[in-house]
Amino acid sequence: MRSSGSGRNSGRGNHRGAGNNRDERQGQGRPRKPRPEERRYDVGPGASQDGPKSGRGGTARGGAKGGPKKAQQPGQRGRTAPARSREYEARAEERNRERYAGKKDVKLPKTFPGAEQEGERLQKVLARAGYGSRRACEELIDQARVEINGEIVTEQGRRVDPEKDEVKVDGLTVATQSYQFFSLNKPAGVVSTMEDPEGRQCLGDYVTNRETRLFHVGRLDTETEGVILLTNHGELAHRLTHPKYGVKKTYLAHIVGPIPRDLGKQLKDGIQLEDGYARADHFRVVEQTGKNYLVEVTLHEGRKHIVRRMLAEAGFPVDRLVRTAFGPITLGDQKSGWLRRLSNTEVGMLMQEVDL
């Protein structure tokens, strides 16, 4: 019994001993491979032989993520250079200015194609003026619908100076600069000024969000409704209101009759007012309901209250007055208080009206 018990104990002992003997035999025959916890990761000069093999890279087993950092080589920068102070930058800038103060500007050679030409490409100018994409503007040129200074353009690539050259499409002048043109259906009660010191509603209230300063073309009475133009084109606005060009304005007036058959003739022949004769260019009855008449009056004068005074002098005071057209710009179905941008065709027609 003792021998068997001692045999079992010796067996366990031999098992443990076998492992120890194996380590000893390995240590005697060849260098013992270090365990993970015994490895060293010194690199560079003076690294131990127990370090990682060159083929395993810097992510050796047991090391931190990314492996050990390599030792800094002599001559390499260790840190980022400190930022220069503002005083240093200011002194450097001052030295540079003194260095180049007396020298002329250096003109670089124009090496790209077409650089020696001045102005802008015609299709670019047309596209900016609102005639569609550049491709669509090139088609206008191909169709011989564009002219520069009276000469029809027949080839692509022409350049123009928007400040000097006159560009036309289908015979109508193109506003090549950054001009803006609007039509407002002015409601009754709105003052025809851009600003009102008394705080009343005025035309400026409808264009407060515009970056460019606009001004109105002519005036309408406070109680008169209808078309009034707003623009930043000073010359156009001046000509549209100048008597020399005689731009016609059309009004619808509501009066109470009965009216004589020769009322139109009286207005066309001229009505004597306190500031001289006033003549209508056209007159017609649009609608009649009993004694209520809706008449249309067209004239080219722009004197104050001119239509109201003419009809009142003829014996028919005006109950309501609406301007339905200013030259070629008509009111159409534009609602009261609505502002709309004029189309390129309308702008061209306005310019044609006053020889621009």
Protein backbone atom coordinates (compact mmCIF):
# COMPACT_ATOMS: atom_id res chain seq x y z
CA MET A 1 0.00 0.00 0.00
CA ARG A 2 2.81 2.34 0.88
CA SER A 3 4.64 1.52 -2.29
CA SER A 4 1.56 2.21 -4.42
CA GLY A 5 0.88 5.49 -2.63
CA SER A 6 4.45 6.53 -3.04
CA GLY A 7 4.22 5.59 -6.70
CA ARG A 8 1.29 7.91 -7.24
CA ASN A 9 3.06 10.70 -5.42
CA SER A 10 6.20 10.08 -7.36
CA GLY A 11 4.20 10.16 -10.58
CA ARG A 12 2.94 13.60 -9.85
CA GLY A 13 6.36 14.61 -8.82
CA ASN A 14 7.87 13.21 -11.96
CA HIS A 15 5.31 15.16 -14.03
CA ARG A 16 6.27 18.38 -12.44
CA GLY A 17 9.85 17.49 -12.54
CA ALA A 18 9.64 16.62 -16.18
CA GLY A 19 8.73 20.16 -17.03
CA ASN A 20 11.57 21.55 -14.99
CA ASN A 21 14.04 19.16 -16.52
CA ARG A 22 12.85 20.15 -19.98
CA ASP A 23 13.54 23.80 -19.25
CA GLU A 24 16.94 22.86 -18.01
CA ARG A 25 17.67 20.76 -21.11
CA GLN A 26 16.55 23.66 -23.37
CA GLY A 27 18.77 26.03 -21.46
CA GLN A 28 21.71 23.71 -21.90
CA GLY A 29 21.29 23.11 -25.66
CA ARG A 30 20.24 26.55 -27.01
CA PRO A 31 19.35 30.01 -25.64
CA ARG A 32 16.08 30.00 -23.83
CA LYS A 33 13.35 31.93 -25.61
CA PRO A 34 12.18 34.73 -23.29
CA ARG A 35 8.62 34.71 -22.15
CA PRO A 36 6.34 37.63 -23.14
CA GLU A 37 6.59 39.25 -19.77
CA GLU A 38 10.38 39.00 -19.90
CA ARG A 39 10.85 40.56 -23.34
CA ARG A 40 12.45 43.97 -23.74
CA TYR A 41 11.65 46.45 -26.48
CA ASP A 42 14.75 48.56 -26.54
CA VAL A 43 15.54 49.69 -30.09
CA GLY A 44 18.30 51.61 -31.63
CA PRO A 45 21.87 51.66 -30.42
CA GLY A 46 22.38 49.45 -27.36
CA ALA A 47 19.30 47.33 -27.94
CA SER A 48 19.36 43.94 -26.26
CA GLN A 49 19.38 40.66 -28.10
CA ASP A 50 16.07 39.75 -26.51
CA GLY A 51 14.28 42.53 -28.41
CA PRO A 52 11.82 41.95 -31.22
CA LYS A 53 13.01 40.66 -34.53
CA SER A 54 13.40 43.17 -37.32
CA GLY A 55 10.74 41.43 -39.39
CA ARG A 56 8.04 41.80 -36.74
CA GLY A 57 7.95 45.62 -36.90
CA GLY A 58 7.10 47.93 -34.05
CA THR A 59 3.94 46.12 -32.95
CA ALA A 60 5.69 43.35 -31.06
CA ARG A 61 3.69 41.03 -28.90
CA GLY A 62 3.07 42.40 -25.44
CA GLY A 63 3.85 46.00 -26.43
CA ALA A 64 1.52 48.99 -26.52
CA LYS A 65 -0.57 49.75 -29.61
CA GLY A 66 1.65 51.11 -32.32
CA GLY A 67 4.76 49.61 -30.79
CA PRO A 68 7.65 51.46 -29.25
CA LYS A 69 8.69 54.83 -30.62
CA LYS A 70 11.95 54.98 -32.45
CA ALA A 71 14.73 56.93 -30.90
CA GLN A 72 15.20 60.36 -32.42
CA GLN A 73 18.07 60.46 -34.87
CA PRO A 74 20.72 63.16 -34.56
CA GLY A 75 19.88 66.23 -36.68
CA GLN A 76 16.13 65.56 -36.71
CA ARG A 77 13.68 68.13 -35.34
CA GLY A 78 12.14 66.99 -32.11
CA ARG A 79 9.34 69.57 -31.68
CA THR A 80 7.30 71.89 -33.82
CA ALA A 81 8.96 75.26 -34.05
CA PRO A 82 7.23 77.89 -31.88
CA ALA A 83 4.90 80.29 -33.69
CA ARG A 84 6.28 83.69 -34.57
CA SER A 85 5.05 86.57 -32.48
CA ARG A 86 2.94 89.34 -33.94
CA GLU A 87 5.71 91.84 -33.32
CA TYR A 88 8.12 89.72 -35.38
CA GLU A 89 5.62 89.43 -38.25
CA ALA A 90 4.98 93.20 -38.15
CA ARG A 91 8.71 93.98 -38.33
CA ALA A 92 9.15 91.54 -41.23
CA GLU A 93 6.26 93.12 -43.10
CA GLU A 94 7.69 96.59 -42.52
CA ARG A 95 11.09 95.52 -43.85
CA ASN A 96 9.48 94.08 -46.98
CA ARG A 97 7.59 97.30 -47.62
CA GLU A 98 10.75 99.37 -47.26
CA ARG A 99 12.58 97.02 -49.59
CA TYR A 100 10.02 97.34 -52.43
CA ALA A 101 8.86 100.91 -51.74
CA GLY A 102 10.62 102.58 -54.68
CA LYS A 103 10.23 99.81 -57.22
CA LYS A 104 7.72 99.85 -60.06
CA ASP A 105 4.97 97.30 -60.35
CA VAL A 106 6.09 94.25 -62.27
CA LYS A 107 3.75 93.40 -65.16
CA LEU A 108 3.56 89.70 -65.70
CA PRO A 109 3.49 88.45 -69.31
CA LYS A 110 0.11 87.47 -70.70
CA THR A 111 0.60 83.88 -71.63
CA PHE A 112 -2.92 82.51 -71.82
CA PRO A 113 -4.84 82.70 -75.12
CA GLY A 114 -6.90 85.84 -75.61
CA ALA A 115 -5.32 87.65 -72.64
CA GLU A 116 -4.20 90.50 -74.83
CA GLN A 117 -7.84 91.24 -75.69
CA GLU A 118 -9.92 93.61 -73.63
CA GLY A 119 -13.56 93.45 -72.58
CA GLU A 120 -15.86 90.52 -71.89
CA ARG A 121 -17.14 87.81 -74.14
CA LEU A 122 -20.43 88.72 -75.73
CA GLN A 123 -22.26 85.57 -74.63
CA LYS A 124 -21.19 86.21 -71.02
CA VAL A 125 -22.57 89.75 -71.13
CA LEU A 126 -25.87 88.53 -72.60
CA ALA A 127 -26.17 85.77 -70.01
CA ARG A 128 -25.62 88.24 -67.17
CA ALA A 129 -28.29 90.50 -68.65
CA GLY A 130 -30.79 87.64 -68.37
CA TYR A 131 -30.97 86.19 -71.89
CA GLY A 132 -30.47 82.62 -70.70
CA SER A 133 -27.44 80.38 -70.39
CA ARG A 134 -24.25 81.07 -72.30
CA ARG A 135 -25.13 78.29 -74.71
CA ALA A 136 -28.52 79.91 -75.37
CA CYS A 137 -26.78 83.25 -75.95
CA GLU A 138 -24.41 81.62 -78.41
CA GLU A 139 -27.45 80.43 -80.34
CA LEU A 140 -28.75 84.02 -80.46
CA ILE A 141 -25.44 85.02 -82.02
CA ASP A 142 -25.59 82.14 -84.52
CA GLN A 143 -29.07 83.31 -85.54
CA ALA A 144 -27.71 86.82 -86.31
CA ARG A 145 -30.05 88.39 -83.75
CA VAL A 146 -27.31 90.26 -81.85
CA GLU A 147 -25.58 93.46 -82.89
CA ILE A 148 -22.80 95.58 -81.42
CA ASN A 149 -22.76 99.30 -82.18
CA GLY A 150 -25.08 98.75 -85.14
CA GLU A 151 -23.11 95.83 -86.61
CA ILE A 152 -24.65 92.35 -86.64
CA VAL A 153 -22.39 89.79 -84.99
CA THR A 154 -21.73 86.76 -87.18
CA GLU A 155 -19.03 84.91 -85.21
CA GLN A 156 -18.51 83.64 -81.69
CA GLY A 157 -15.89 84.98 -79.31
CA ARG A 158 -16.52 88.71 -79.83
CA ARG A 159 -15.62 90.87 -76.86
CA VAL A 160 -17.45 94.00 -75.74
CA ASP A 161 -16.98 96.77 -73.20
CA PRO A 162 -20.25 96.99 -71.23
CA GLU A 163 -19.46 100.62 -70.35
CA LYS A 164 -18.99 101.82 -73.94
CA ASP A 165 -20.45 99.38 -76.49
CA GLU A 166 -24.13 99.30 -77.37
CA VAL A 167 -25.49 95.76 -77.52
CA LYS A 168 -28.88 94.96 -79.01
CA VAL A 169 -30.92 91.77 -79.34
CA ASP A 170 -33.67 91.78 -81.96
CA GLY A 171 -33.23 95.54 -82.26
CA LEU A 172 -33.76 96.21 -78.54
CA THR A 173 -30.96 97.61 -76.38
CA VAL A 174 -29.57 95.29 -73.71
CA ALA A 175 -28.94 96.65 -70.22
CA THR A 176 -25.41 95.26 -69.99
CA GLN A 177 -24.65 96.80 -66.59
CA SER A 178 -26.11 95.87 -63.23
CA TYR A 179 -29.31 97.85 -63.65
CA GLN A 180 -32.61 96.86 -62.11
CA PHE A 181 -36.10 97.61 -63.42
CA PHE A 182 -39.36 96.98 -61.58
CA SER A 183 -43.04 97.71 -62.02
CA LEU A 184 -45.22 98.27 -58.96
CA ASN A 185 -49.00 98.31 -58.90
CA LYS A 186 -49.27 101.14 -56.38
CA PRO A 187 -52.29 100.88 -54.09
CA ALA A 188 -54.37 103.89 -53.13
CA GLY A 189 -53.08 105.69 -50.05
CA VAL A 190 -49.39 105.07 -50.78
CA VAL A 191 -47.23 108.19 -51.09
CA SER A 192 -45.05 108.41 -54.22
CA THR A 193 -41.77 108.90 -52.35
CA MET A 194 -39.05 106.49 -51.29
CA GLU A 195 -39.10 107.87 -47.73
CA ASP A 196 -41.81 109.75 -45.88
CA PRO A 197 -40.87 111.87 -42.83
CA GLU A 198 -44.45 111.66 -41.56
CA GLY A 199 -44.29 107.86 -41.40
CA ARG A 200 -46.92 107.22 -44.05
CA GLN A 201 -46.73 104.18 -46.30
CA CYS A 202 -44.52 104.97 -49.29
CA LEU A 203 -42.87 103.31 -52.29
CA GLY A 204 -39.68 102.60 -50.34
CA ASP A 205 -41.59 100.15 -48.16
CA TYR A 206 -41.86 97.79 -51.14
CA VAL A 207 -38.11 97.67 -51.89
CA THR A 208 -36.52 97.77 -48.43
CA ASN A 209 -34.75 94.43 -48.99
CA ARG A 210 -32.90 95.59 -52.14
CA GLU A 211 -29.13 96.09 -51.90
CA THR A 212 -29.16 98.63 -54.73
CA ARG A 213 -30.84 101.97 -54.10
CA LEU A 214 -33.86 102.38 -56.38
CA PHE A 215 -35.89 105.47 -57.20
CA HIS A 216 -39.29 105.97 -58.77
CA VAL A 217 -39.95 107.19 -62.31
CA GLY A 218 -42.42 110.06 -62.10
CA ARG A 219 -45.21 110.24 -59.55
CA LEU A 220 -48.76 109.15 -58.92
CA ASP A 221 -51.24 110.96 -56.70
CA THR A 222 -51.65 109.43 -53.26
CA GLU A 223 -55.17 108.26 -54.10
CA THR A 224 -54.31 107.17 -57.65
CA GLU A 225 -53.49 103.51 -58.24
CA GLY A 226 -51.62 101.68 -60.95
CA VAL A 227 -48.28 101.32 -62.70
CA ILE A 228 -45.23 103.12 -61.36
CA LEU A 229 -41.69 102.19 -62.39
CA LEU A 230 -38.70 101.77 -60.06
CA THR A 231 -35.11 101.58 -61.29
CA ASN A 232 -31.50 102.55 -60.62
CA HIS A 233 -30.91 103.62 -64.24
CA GLY A 234 -30.76 107.40 -63.91
CA GLU A 235 -30.64 108.31 -67.60
CA LEU A 236 -33.58 106.10 -68.47
CA ALA A 237 -35.67 107.51 -65.62
CA HIS A 238 -34.83 111.07 -66.70
CA ARG A 239 -35.84 110.50 -70.32
CA LEU A 240 -39.05 108.68 -69.44
CA THR A 241 -40.30 111.75 -67.56
CA HIS A 242 -38.90 114.43 -69.90
CA PRO A 243 -41.52 116.17 -72.09
CA LYS A 244 -39.14 115.99 -75.08
CA TYR A 245 -39.71 112.25 -75.48
CA GLY A 246 -43.46 112.35 -74.91
CA VAL A 247 -43.88 108.92 -73.31
CA LYS A 248 -47.59 108.19 -73.14
CA LYS A 249 -49.47 107.15 -70.00
CA THR A 250 -52.91 105.55 -70.02
CA TYR A 251 -55.51 105.91 -67.24
CA LEU A 252 -58.91 104.42 -66.42
CA ALA A 253 -61.20 106.91 -64.69
CA HIS A 254 -64.57 106.31 -63.05
CA ILE A 255 -66.93 109.25 -63.52
CA VAL A 256 -70.67 109.84 -63.17
CA GLY A 257 -72.66 110.87 -66.25
CA PRO A 258 -74.42 111.31 -68.41
CA ILE A 259 -71.55 112.53 -70.56
CA PRO A 260 -71.86 114.40 -73.87
CA ARG A 261 -70.76 112.77 -77.08
CA ASP A 262 -68.14 115.41 -77.70
CA LEU A 263 -66.32 114.92 -74.38
CA GLY A 264 -63.48 113.13 -76.14
CA LYS A 265 -63.17 115.96 -78.67
CA GLN A 266 -63.04 118.53 -75.86
CA LEU A 267 -60.22 116.66 -74.14
CA LYS A 268 -58.25 116.21 -77.38
CA ASP A 269 -58.66 119.86 -78.39
CA GLY A 270 -57.41 120.98 -75.01
CA ILE A 271 -58.78 121.99 -71.64
CA GLN A 272 -57.80 125.35 -70.22
CA LEU A 273 -56.23 124.92 -66.75
CA GLU A 274 -54.65 127.43 -64.39
CA ASP A 275 -51.18 126.40 -65.62
CA GLY A 276 -52.01 126.28 -69.35
CA TYR A 277 -53.76 124.03 -71.83
CA ALA A 278 -53.77 120.28 -71.35
CA ARG A 279 -54.58 117.95 -74.23
CA ALA A 280 -55.38 114.23 -74.28
CA ASP A 281 -53.92 112.01 -76.98
CA HIS A 282 -56.78 109.49 -76.85
CA PHE A 283 -60.18 109.07 -75.20
CA ARG A 284 -62.80 106.33 -75.25
CA VAL A 285 -65.66 104.99 -73.14
CA VAL A 286 -64.77 101.53 -71.87
CA GLU A 287 -67.90 100.64 -69.93
CA GLN A 288 -71.25 102.15 -68.95
CA THR A 289 -73.61 101.02 -66.20
CA GLY A 290 -76.49 103.46 -65.88
CA LYS A 291 -74.94 106.80 -65.04
CA ASN A 292 -71.59 105.24 -64.08
CA TYR A 293 -68.92 105.48 -66.78
CA LEU A 294 -65.47 103.96 -67.04
CA VAL A 295 -63.43 106.00 -69.50
CA GLU A 296 -59.88 105.63 -70.78
CA VAL A 297 -57.64 108.67 -71.18
CA THR A 298 -54.17 108.64 -72.75
CA LEU A 299 -51.80 111.60 -72.63
CA HIS A 300 -48.08 112.27 -72.68
CA GLU A 301 -48.00 115.10 -70.15
CA GLY A 302 -46.95 114.55 -66.57
CA ARG A 303 -48.25 117.58 -64.71
CA LYS A 304 -49.60 117.16 -61.22
CA HIS A 305 -53.19 115.80 -61.03
CA ILE A 306 -53.42 116.33 -64.78
CA VAL A 307 -56.19 113.76 -65.52
CA ARG A 308 -58.28 114.66 -62.47
CA ARG A 309 -58.06 118.37 -63.26
CA MET A 310 -58.95 117.93 -66.94
CA LEU A 311 -62.06 115.86 -66.27
CA ALA A 312 -63.12 118.08 -63.36
CA GLU A 313 -62.77 121.17 -65.57
CA ALA A 314 -64.96 119.43 -68.18
CA GLY A 315 -67.59 118.91 -65.47
CA PHE A 316 -66.94 115.29 -64.47
CA PRO A 317 -65.03 114.85 -61.18
CA VAL A 318 -63.14 111.56 -60.91
CA ASP A 319 -64.21 109.04 -58.24
CA ARG A 320 -61.38 106.58 -58.87
CA LEU A 321 -58.30 106.71 -61.09
CA VAL A 322 -55.96 103.88 -62.14
CA ARG A 323 -52.90 104.15 -64.40
CA THR A 324 -52.94 101.06 -66.58
CA ALA A 325 -49.86 101.70 -68.74
CA PHE A 326 -46.60 103.63 -68.67
CA GLY A 327 -45.30 103.63 -72.22
CA PRO A 328 -45.02 99.97 -73.30
CA ILE A 329 -45.34 98.66 -69.71
CA THR A 330 -48.91 97.61 -68.99
CA LEU A 331 -50.60 96.68 -65.74
CA GLY A 332 -52.10 93.44 -67.02
CA ASP A 333 -53.21 91.09 -64.24
CA GLN A 334 -50.68 92.41 -61.72
CA LYS A 335 -52.38 92.62 -58.34
CA SER A 336 -52.46 95.71 -56.19
CA GLY A 337 -49.30 96.06 -54.10
CA TRP A 338 -47.33 93.52 -56.15
CA LEU A 339 -43.81 94.27 -57.39
CA ARG A 340 -42.46 92.50 -60.46
CA ARG A 341 -39.15 92.62 -62.34
CA LEU A 342 -39.39 93.79 -65.92
CA SER A 343 -38.36 91.35 -68.61
CA ASN A 344 -35.44 92.01 -70.97
CA THR A 345 -37.89 92.68 -73.78
CA GLU A 346 -39.80 95.25 -71.71
CA VAL A 347 -36.55 96.99 -70.73
CA GLY A 348 -35.50 97.09 -74.38
CA MET A 349 -38.86 98.56 -75.37
CA LEU A 350 -38.53 101.27 -72.72
CA MET A 351 -35.07 102.18 -73.98
CA GLN A 352 -36.29 102.21 -77.56
CA GLU A 353 -39.09 104.56 -76.47
CA VAL A 354 -36.55 107.20 -75.37
CA ASP A 355 -33.80 106.53 -77.96
CA LEU A 356 -31.38 104.70 -75.67
